[in-house]
Amino acid sequence: MQARTVLGIAGAALALVVPASQAAAGVKHQATSPQIRAIMLRSQALNRKYHLGAYAPKPSKAQNRAIMLRSRALDRKYHLGAYAS
């Protein structure tokens, strides 16, 4: 069990060090189509999990009004927009 953990940690460390050393040596890495697809799927899953992008909830009318009132108050306080002198 511990050997697997050590190998897993070593593998992860190697995965981080090798690209950095290749970048330092000027070696360019071109992602393959399956790698790009995996990155896109991971990004979509994270967006869904954390309610980002297309998965973000739409603000209600009350939330929109609160945002507008807050914005106007900040503009007034910091002399921005219509409140600039």
PDB file of N, CA and C in Angstrom:
ATOM      1  N   MET A   1       0.823  -1.191   0.000  1.00  0.00           N
ATOM      2  CA  MET A   1       0.000   0.000   0.000  1.00  0.00           C
ATOM      3  C   MET A   1       0.868   1.257   0.000  1.00  0.00           C
ATOM      4  N   GLN A   2       1.879   1.299   0.871  1.00  0.00           N
ATOM      5  CA  GLN A   2       2.749   2.466   0.940  1.00  0.00           C
ATOM      6  C   GLN A   2       3.581   2.596  -0.324  1.00  0.00           C
ATOM      7  N   ALA A   3       3.962   1.476  -0.907  1.00  0.00           N
ATOM      8  CA  ALA A   3       4.753   1.518  -2.136  1.00  0.00           C
ATOM      9  C   ALA A   3       3.953   2.159  -3.256  1.00  0.00           C
ATOM     10  N   ARG A   4       2.660   1.864  -3.324  1.00  0.00           N
ATOM     11  CA  ARG A   4       1.809   2.476  -4.350  1.00  0.00           C
ATOM     12  C   ARG A   4       1.710   3.984  -4.139  1.00  0.00           C
ATOM     13  N   THR A   5       1.574   4.372  -2.893  1.00  0.00           N
ATOM     14  CA  THR A   5       1.482   5.795  -2.583  1.00  0.00           C
ATOM     15  C   THR A   5       2.760   6.516  -2.975  1.00  0.00           C
ATOM     16  N   VAL A   6       3.890   5.933  -2.632  1.00  0.00           N
ATOM     17  CA  VAL A   6       5.180   6.531  -2.970  1.00  0.00           C
ATOM     18  C   VAL A   6       5.345   6.604  -4.475  1.00  0.00           C
ATOM     19  N   LEU A   7       4.964   5.534  -5.183  1.00  0.00           N
ATOM     20  CA  LEU A   7       5.074   5.547  -6.645  1.00  0.00           C
ATOM     21  C   LEU A   7       4.126   6.579  -7.253  1.00  0.00           C
ATOM     22  N   GLY A   8       2.942   6.707  -6.672  1.00  0.00           N
ATOM     23  CA  GLY A   8       1.991   7.699  -7.167  1.00  0.00           C
ATOM     24  C   GLY A   8       2.516   9.115  -6.996  1.00  0.00           C
ATOM     25  N   ILE A   9       3.078   9.386  -5.837  1.00  0.00           N
ATOM     26  CA  ILE A   9       3.649  10.707  -5.578  1.00  0.00           C
ATOM     27  C   ILE A   9       4.839  10.966  -6.489  1.00  0.00           C
ATOM     28  N   ALA A  10       5.681   9.968  -6.657  1.00  0.00           N
ATOM     29  CA  ALA A  10       6.850  10.114  -7.537  1.00  0.00           C
ATOM     30  C   ALA A  10       6.405  10.343  -8.974  1.00  0.00           C
ATOM     31  N   GLY A  11       5.380   9.626  -9.402  1.00  0.00           N
ATOM     32  CA  GLY A  11       4.871   9.802 -10.765  1.00  0.00           C
ATOM     33  C   GLY A  11       4.298  11.191 -10.970  1.00  0.00           C
ATOM     34  N   ALA A  12       3.566  11.675  -9.979  1.00  0.00           N
ATOM     35  CA  ALA A  12       2.998  13.020 -10.077  1.00  0.00           C
ATOM     36  C   ALA A  12       4.095  14.068 -10.117  1.00  0.00           C
ATOM     37  N   ALA A  13       5.100  13.909  -9.298  1.00  0.00           N
ATOM     38  CA  ALA A  13       6.217  14.851  -9.282  1.00  0.00           C
ATOM     39  C   ALA A  13       6.953  14.833 -10.619  1.00  0.00           C
ATOM     40  N   LEU A  14       7.154  13.645 -11.162  1.00  0.00           N
ATOM     41  CA  LEU A  14       7.829  13.522 -12.452  1.00  0.00           C
ATOM     42  C   LEU A  14       7.000  14.174 -13.549  1.00  0.00           C
ATOM     43  N   ALA A  15       5.681  14.010 -13.482  1.00  0.00           N
ATOM     44  CA  ALA A  15       4.809  14.616 -14.484  1.00  0.00           C
ATOM     45  C   ALA A  15       4.896  16.140 -14.446  1.00  0.00           C
ATOM     46  N   LEU A  16       5.178  16.697 -13.288  1.00  0.00           N
ATOM     47  CA  LEU A  16       5.309  18.146 -13.177  1.00  0.00           C
ATOM     48  C   LEU A  16       6.697  18.629 -13.574  1.00  0.00           C
ATOM     49  N   VAL A  17       7.717  17.847 -13.272  1.00  0.00           N
ATOM     50  CA  VAL A  17       9.093  18.272 -13.513  1.00  0.00           C
ATOM     51  C   VAL A  17       9.481  18.139 -14.985  1.00  0.00           C
ATOM     52  N   VAL A  18       9.074  17.068 -15.643  1.00  0.00           N
ATOM     53  CA  VAL A  18       9.496  16.832 -17.023  1.00  0.00           C
ATOM     54  C   VAL A  18       9.029  17.947 -17.960  1.00  0.00           C
ATOM     55  N   PRO A  19       7.733  18.348 -17.941  1.00  0.00           N
ATOM     56  CA  PRO A  19       7.356  19.445 -18.840  1.00  0.00           C
ATOM     57  C   PRO A  19       8.093  20.744 -18.531  1.00  0.00           C
ATOM     58  N   ALA A  20       8.349  21.014 -17.261  1.00  0.00           N
ATOM     59  CA  ALA A  20       9.074  22.231 -16.899  1.00  0.00           C
ATOM     60  C   ALA A  20      10.498  22.190 -17.435  1.00  0.00           C
ATOM     61  N   SER A  21      11.141  21.035 -17.340  1.00  0.00           N
ATOM     62  CA  SER A  21      12.507  20.931 -17.835  1.00  0.00           C
ATOM     63  C   SER A  21      12.532  21.015 -19.356  1.00  0.00           C
ATOM     64  N   GLN A  22      11.515  20.458 -20.008  1.00  0.00           N
ATOM     65  CA  GLN A  22      11.453  20.555 -21.463  1.00  0.00           C
ATOM     66  C   GLN A  22      11.209  21.995 -21.896  1.00  0.00           C
ATOM     67  N   ALA A  23      10.378  22.715 -21.155  1.00  0.00           N
ATOM     68  CA  ALA A  23      10.112  24.109 -21.484  1.00  0.00           C
ATOM     69  C   ALA A  23      11.385  24.936 -21.312  1.00  0.00           C
ATOM     70  N   ALA A  24      12.153  24.638 -20.270  1.00  0.00           N
ATOM     71  CA  ALA A  24      13.399  25.363 -20.038  1.00  0.00           C
ATOM     72  C   ALA A  24      14.400  25.081 -21.149  1.00  0.00           C
ATOM     73  N   ALA A  25      14.332  23.875 -21.721  1.00  0.00           N
ATOM     74  CA  ALA A  25      15.265  23.516 -22.784  1.00  0.00           C
ATOM     75  C   ALA A  25      14.776  23.989 -24.148  1.00  0.00           C
ATOM     76  N   GLY A  26      13.590  24.589 -24.198  1.00  0.00           N
ATOM     77  CA  GLY A  26      13.067  25.090 -25.465  1.00  0.00           C
ATOM     78  C   GLY A  26      12.305  24.057 -26.256  1.00  0.00           C
ATOM     79  N   VAL A  27      11.970  22.916 -25.655  1.00  0.00           N
ATOM     80  CA  VAL A  27      11.208  21.877 -26.334  1.00  0.00           C
ATOM     81  C   VAL A  27       9.735  22.235 -26.252  1.00  0.00           C
ATOM     82  N   LYS A  28       9.058  22.302 -27.397  1.00  0.00           N
ATOM     83  CA  LYS A  28       7.640  22.639 -27.408  1.00  0.00           C
ATOM     84  C   LYS A  28       6.826  21.354 -27.386  1.00  0.00           C
ATOM     85  N   HIS A  29       5.745  21.376 -26.595  1.00  0.00           N
ATOM     86  CA  HIS A  29       4.861  20.221 -26.500  1.00  0.00           C
ATOM     87  C   HIS A  29       3.565  20.558 -27.200  1.00  0.00           C
ATOM     88  N   GLN A  30       3.167  19.733 -28.137  1.00  0.00           N
ATOM     89  CA  GLN A  30       1.919  19.929 -28.853  1.00  0.00           C
ATOM     90  C   GLN A  30       0.902  18.925 -28.330  1.00  0.00           C
ATOM     91  N   ALA A  31      -0.206  19.407 -27.785  1.00  0.00           N
ATOM     92  CA  ALA A  31      -1.236  18.528 -27.249  1.00  0.00           C
ATOM     93  C   ALA A  31      -1.921  17.789 -28.396  1.00  0.00           C
ATOM     94  N   THR A  32      -2.222  16.528 -28.157  1.00  0.00           N
ATOM     95  CA  THR A  32      -2.913  15.732 -29.158  1.00  0.00           C
ATOM     96  C   THR A  32      -4.417  15.952 -29.034  1.00  0.00           C
ATOM     97  N   SER A  33      -5.142  15.523 -30.039  1.00  0.00           N
ATOM     98  CA  SER A  33      -6.593  15.692 -30.044  1.00  0.00           C
ATOM     99  C   SER A  33      -7.261  15.035 -28.829  1.00  0.00           C
ATOM    100  N   PRO A  34      -6.895  13.802 -28.443  1.00  0.00           N
ATOM    101  CA  PRO A  34      -7.510  13.217 -27.243  1.00  0.00           C
ATOM    102  C   PRO A  34      -7.181  13.997 -25.967  1.00  0.00           C
ATOM    103  N   GLN A  35      -5.985  14.563 -25.892  1.00  0.00           N
ATOM    104  CA  GLN A  35      -5.615  15.356 -24.720  1.00  0.00           C
ATOM    105  C   GLN A  35      -6.450  16.637 -24.652  1.00  0.00           C
ATOM    106  N   ILE A  36      -6.635  17.264 -25.784  1.00  0.00           N
ATOM    107  CA  ILE A  36      -7.445  18.480 -25.830  1.00  0.00           C
ATOM    108  C   ILE A  36      -8.884  18.172 -25.450  1.00  0.00           C
ATOM    109  N   ARG A  37      -9.418  17.066 -25.972  1.00  0.00           N
ATOM    110  CA  ARG A  37     -10.786  16.665 -25.633  1.00  0.00           C
ATOM    111  C   ARG A  37     -10.907  16.401 -24.138  1.00  0.00           C
ATOM    112  N   ALA A  38      -9.911  15.742 -23.543  1.00  0.00           N
ATOM    113  CA  ALA A  38      -9.943  15.461 -22.107  1.00  0.00           C
ATOM    114  C   ALA A  38      -9.931  16.754 -21.301  1.00  0.00           C
ATOM    115  N   ILE A  39      -9.134  17.717 -21.728  1.00  0.00           N
ATOM    116  CA  ILE A  39      -9.081  19.010 -21.041  1.00  0.00           C
ATOM    117  C   ILE A  39     -10.429  19.720 -21.138  1.00  0.00           C
ATOM    118  N   MET A  40     -11.045  19.678 -22.303  1.00  0.00           N
ATOM    119  CA  MET A  40     -12.340  20.333 -22.490  1.00  0.00           C
ATOM    120  C   MET A  40     -13.421  19.671 -21.636  1.00  0.00           C
ATOM    121  N   LEU A  41     -13.434  18.339 -21.589  1.00  0.00           N
ATOM    122  CA  LEU A  41     -14.425  17.631 -20.776  1.00  0.00           C
ATOM    123  C   LEU A  41     -14.225  17.931 -19.296  1.00  0.00           C
ATOM    124  N   ARG A  42     -12.977  17.996 -18.871  1.00  0.00           N
ATOM    125  CA  ARG A  42     -12.686  18.315 -17.466  1.00  0.00           C
ATOM    126  C   ARG A  42     -13.150  19.733 -17.145  1.00  0.00           C
ATOM    127  N   SER A  43     -12.899  20.648 -18.043  1.00  0.00           N
ATOM    128  CA  SER A  43     -13.318  22.035 -17.830  1.00  0.00           C
ATOM    129  C   SER A  43     -14.835  22.145 -17.731  1.00  0.00           C
ATOM    130  N   GLN A  44     -15.547  21.446 -18.610  1.00  0.00           N
ATOM    131  CA  GLN A  44     -17.009  21.467 -18.560  1.00  0.00           C
ATOM    132  C   GLN A  44     -17.529  20.871 -17.259  1.00  0.00           C
ATOM    133  N   ALA A  45     -16.909  19.786 -16.811  1.00  0.00           N
ATOM    134  CA  ALA A  45     -17.332  19.158 -15.558  1.00  0.00           C
ATOM    135  C   ALA A  45     -17.102  20.099 -14.373  1.00  0.00           C
ATOM    136  N   LEU A  46     -15.970  20.786 -14.356  1.00  0.00           N
ATOM    137  CA  LEU A  46     -15.698  21.738 -13.275  1.00  0.00           C
ATOM    138  C   LEU A  46     -16.660  22.925 -13.338  1.00  0.00           C
ATOM    139  N   ASN A  47     -16.970  23.406 -14.538  1.00  0.00           N
ATOM    140  CA  ASN A  47     -17.939  24.490 -14.676  1.00  0.00           C
ATOM    141  C   ASN A  47     -19.301  24.063 -14.141  1.00  0.00           C
ATOM    142  N   ARG A  48     -19.705  22.844 -14.451  1.00  0.00           N
ATOM    143  CA  ARG A  48     -20.987  22.335 -13.967  1.00  0.00           C
ATOM    144  C   ARG A  48     -20.970  22.205 -12.447  1.00  0.00           C
ATOM    145  N   LYS A  49     -19.879  21.684 -11.901  1.00  0.00           N
ATOM    146  CA  LYS A  49     -19.783  21.468 -10.459  1.00  0.00           C
ATOM    147  C   LYS A  49     -19.821  22.788  -9.689  1.00  0.00           C
ATOM    148  N   TYR A  50     -19.101  23.788 -10.176  1.00  0.00           N
ATOM    149  CA  TYR A  50     -18.995  25.054  -9.466  1.00  0.00           C
ATOM    150  C   TYR A  50     -19.932  26.134 -10.008  1.00  0.00           C
ATOM    151  N   HIS A  51     -20.870  25.750 -10.887  1.00  0.00           N
ATOM    152  CA  HIS A  51     -21.884  26.661 -11.421  1.00  0.00           C
ATOM    153  C   HIS A  51     -21.245  27.886 -12.080  1.00  0.00           C
ATOM    154  N   LEU A  52     -20.366  27.633 -13.031  1.00  0.00           N
ATOM    155  CA  LEU A  52     -19.680  28.702 -13.753  1.00  0.00           C
ATOM    156  C   LEU A  52     -20.100  28.711 -15.215  1.00  0.00           C
ATOM    157  N   GLY A  53     -19.835  29.807 -15.894  1.00  0.00           N
ATOM    158  CA  GLY A  53     -20.100  29.889 -17.327  1.00  0.00           C
ATOM    159  C   GLY A  53     -21.559  29.641 -17.658  1.00  0.00           C
ATOM    160  N   ALA A  54     -21.818  28.726 -18.581  1.00  0.00           N
ATOM    161  CA  ALA A  54     -23.177  28.408 -19.013  1.00  0.00           C
ATOM    162  C   ALA A  54     -23.997  27.786 -17.895  1.00  0.00           C
ATOM    163  N   TYR A  55     -23.351  27.270 -16.865  1.00  0.00           N
ATOM    164  CA  TYR A  55     -24.049  26.607 -15.763  1.00  0.00           C
ATOM    165  C   TYR A  55     -24.340  27.552 -14.598  1.00  0.00           C
ATOM    166  N   ALA A  56     -23.983  28.807 -14.731  1.00  0.00           N
ATOM    167  CA  ALA A  56     -24.235  29.780 -13.675  1.00  0.00           C
ATOM    168  C   ALA A  56     -25.728  30.107 -13.635  1.00  0.00           C
ATOM    169  N   PRO A  57     -26.298  30.198 -12.458  1.00  0.00           N
ATOM    170  CA  PRO A  57     -27.721  30.541 -12.373  1.00  0.00           C
ATOM    171  C   PRO A  57     -27.952  31.984 -12.806  1.00  0.00           C
ATOM    172  N   LYS A  58     -29.094  32.219 -13.433  1.00  0.00           N
ATOM    173  CA  LYS A  58     -29.443  33.575 -13.858  1.00  0.00           C
ATOM    174  C   LYS A  58     -29.919  34.358 -12.649  1.00  0.00           C
ATOM    175  N   PRO A  59     -29.459  35.609 -12.479  1.00  0.00           N
ATOM    176  CA  PRO A  59     -29.894  36.402 -11.326  1.00  0.00           C
ATOM    177  C   PRO A  59     -31.376  36.778 -11.456  1.00  0.00           C
ATOM    178  N   SER A  60     -32.055  36.850 -10.331  1.00  0.00           N
ATOM    179  CA  SER A  60     -33.463  37.239 -10.319  1.00  0.00           C
ATOM    180  C   SER A  60     -33.569  38.753 -10.501  1.00  0.00           C
ATOM    181  N   LYS A  61     -34.798  39.243 -10.646  1.00  0.00           N
ATOM    182  CA  LYS A  61     -35.008  40.691 -10.791  1.00  0.00           C
ATOM    183  C   LYS A  61     -34.529  41.427  -9.540  1.00  0.00           C
ATOM    184  N   ALA A  62     -34.779  40.837  -8.382  1.00  0.00           N
ATOM    185  CA  ALA A  62     -34.346  41.470  -7.128  1.00  0.00           C
ATOM    186  C   ALA A  62     -32.822  41.528  -7.048  1.00  0.00           C
ATOM    187  N   GLN A  63     -32.150  40.467  -7.493  1.00  0.00           N
ATOM    188  CA  GLN A  63     -30.685  40.457  -7.478  1.00  0.00           C
ATOM    189  C   GLN A  63     -30.134  41.491  -8.450  1.00  0.00           C
ATOM    190  N   ASN A  64     -30.742  41.595  -9.628  1.00  0.00           N
ATOM    191  CA  ASN A  64     -30.305  42.605 -10.604  1.00  0.00           C
ATOM    192  C   ASN A  64     -30.468  44.009 -10.042  1.00  0.00           C
ATOM    193  N   ARG A  65     -31.604  44.259  -9.380  1.00  0.00           N
ATOM    194  CA  ARG A  65     -31.849  45.572  -8.793  1.00  0.00           C
ATOM    195  C   ARG A  65     -30.816  45.874  -7.710  1.00  0.00           C
ATOM    196  N   ALA A  66     -30.502  44.887  -6.879  1.00  0.00           N
ATOM    197  CA  ALA A  66     -29.512  45.082  -5.817  1.00  0.00           C
ATOM    198  C   ALA A  66     -28.140  45.406  -6.403  1.00  0.00           C
ATOM    199  N   ILE A  67     -27.787  44.732  -7.481  1.00  0.00           N
ATOM    200  CA  ILE A  67     -26.497  44.991  -8.140  1.00  0.00           C
ATOM    201  C   ILE A  67     -26.457  46.422  -8.679  1.00  0.00           C
ATOM    202  N   MET A  68     -27.551  46.851  -9.303  1.00  0.00           N
ATOM    203  CA  MET A  68     -27.600  48.210  -9.850  1.00  0.00           C
ATOM    204  C   MET A  68     -27.509  49.262  -8.739  1.00  0.00           C
ATOM    205  N   LEU A  69     -28.242  49.045  -7.642  1.00  0.00           N
ATOM    206  CA  LEU A  69     -28.191  49.997  -6.528  1.00  0.00           C
ATOM    207  C   LEU A  69     -26.794  50.064  -5.916  1.00  0.00           C
ATOM    208  N   ARG A  70     -26.163  48.913  -5.773  1.00  0.00           N
ATOM    209  CA  ARG A  70     -24.806  48.864  -5.224  1.00  0.00           C
ATOM    210  C   ARG A  70     -23.835  49.595  -6.151  1.00  0.00           C
ATOM    211  N   SER A  71     -23.981  49.386  -7.447  1.00  0.00           N
ATOM    212  CA  SER A  71     -23.105  50.037  -8.420  1.00  0.00           C
ATOM    213  C   SER A  71     -23.246  51.550  -8.360  1.00  0.00           C
ATOM    214  N   ARG A  72     -24.497  52.023  -8.288  1.00  0.00           N
ATOM    215  CA  ARG A  72     -24.714  53.466  -8.201  1.00  0.00           C
ATOM    216  C   ARG A  72     -24.115  54.039  -6.920  1.00  0.00           C
ATOM    217  N   ALA A  73     -24.280  53.310  -5.808  1.00  0.00           N
ATOM    218  CA  ALA A  73     -23.727  53.789  -4.531  1.00  0.00           C
ATOM    219  C   ALA A  73     -22.203  53.869  -4.590  1.00  0.00           C
ATOM    220  N   LEU A  74     -21.577  52.871  -5.209  1.00  0.00           N
ATOM    221  CA  LEU A  74     -20.116  52.894  -5.341  1.00  0.00           C
ATOM    222  C   LEU A  74     -19.670  54.015  -6.272  1.00  0.00           C
ATOM    223  N   ASP A  75     -20.414  54.228  -7.364  1.00  0.00           N
ATOM    224  CA  ASP A  75     -20.095  55.336  -8.272  1.00  0.00           C
ATOM    225  C   ASP A  75     -20.159  56.665  -7.535  1.00  0.00           C
ATOM    226  N   ARG A  76     -21.205  56.835  -6.715  1.00  0.00           N
ATOM    227  CA  ARG A  76     -21.372  58.070  -5.961  1.00  0.00           C
ATOM    228  C   ARG A  76     -20.236  58.243  -4.961  1.00  0.00           C
ATOM    229  N   LYS A  77     -19.908  57.153  -4.256  1.00  0.00           N
ATOM    230  CA  LYS A  77     -18.863  57.228  -3.227  1.00  0.00           C
ATOM    231  C   LYS A  77     -17.497  57.567  -3.821  1.00  0.00           C
ATOM    232  N   TYR A  78     -17.179  56.961  -4.964  1.00  0.00           N
ATOM    233  CA  TYR A  78     -15.838  57.134  -5.545  1.00  0.00           C
ATOM    234  C   TYR A  78     -15.835  58.133  -6.712  1.00  0.00           C
ATOM    235  N   HIS A  79     -16.943  58.855  -6.894  1.00  0.00           N
ATOM    236  CA  HIS A  79     -17.045  59.894  -7.930  1.00  0.00           C
ATOM    237  C   HIS A  79     -16.721  59.333  -9.312  1.00  0.00           C
ATOM    238  N   LEU A  80     -17.478  58.288  -9.681  1.00  0.00           N
ATOM    239  CA  LEU A  80     -17.302  57.645 -10.988  1.00  0.00           C
ATOM    240  C   LEU A  80     -18.551  57.829 -11.835  1.00  0.00           C
ATOM    241  N   GLY A  81     -18.418  57.599 -13.139  1.00  0.00           N
ATOM    242  CA  GLY A  81     -19.565  57.649 -14.033  1.00  0.00           C
ATOM    243  C   GLY A  81     -20.257  59.007 -13.994  1.00  0.00           C
ATOM    244  N   ALA A  82     -21.579  58.993 -13.777  1.00  0.00           N
ATOM    245  CA  ALA A  82     -22.371  60.220 -13.733  1.00  0.00           C
ATOM    246  C   ALA A  82     -21.987  61.104 -12.566  1.00  0.00           C
ATOM    247  N   TYR A  83     -21.322  60.564 -11.569  1.00  0.00           N
ATOM    248  CA  TYR A  83     -20.954  61.314 -10.363  1.00  0.00           C
ATOM    249  C   TYR A  83     -19.530  61.887 -10.419  1.00  0.00           C
ATOM    250  N   ALA A  84     -18.871  61.688 -11.564  1.00  0.00           N
ATOM    251  CA  ALA A  84     -17.511  62.224 -11.708  1.00  0.00           C
ATOM    252  C   ALA A  84     -17.578  63.747 -11.789  1.00  0.00           C
ATOM    253  N   SER A  85     -16.653  64.408 -11.121  1.00  0.00           N
ATOM    254  CA  SER A  85     -16.689  65.887 -11.116  1.00  0.00           C
ATOM    255  C   SER A  85     -15.740  66.467 -12.135  1.00  0.00           C
TER     256      SER A  85
END
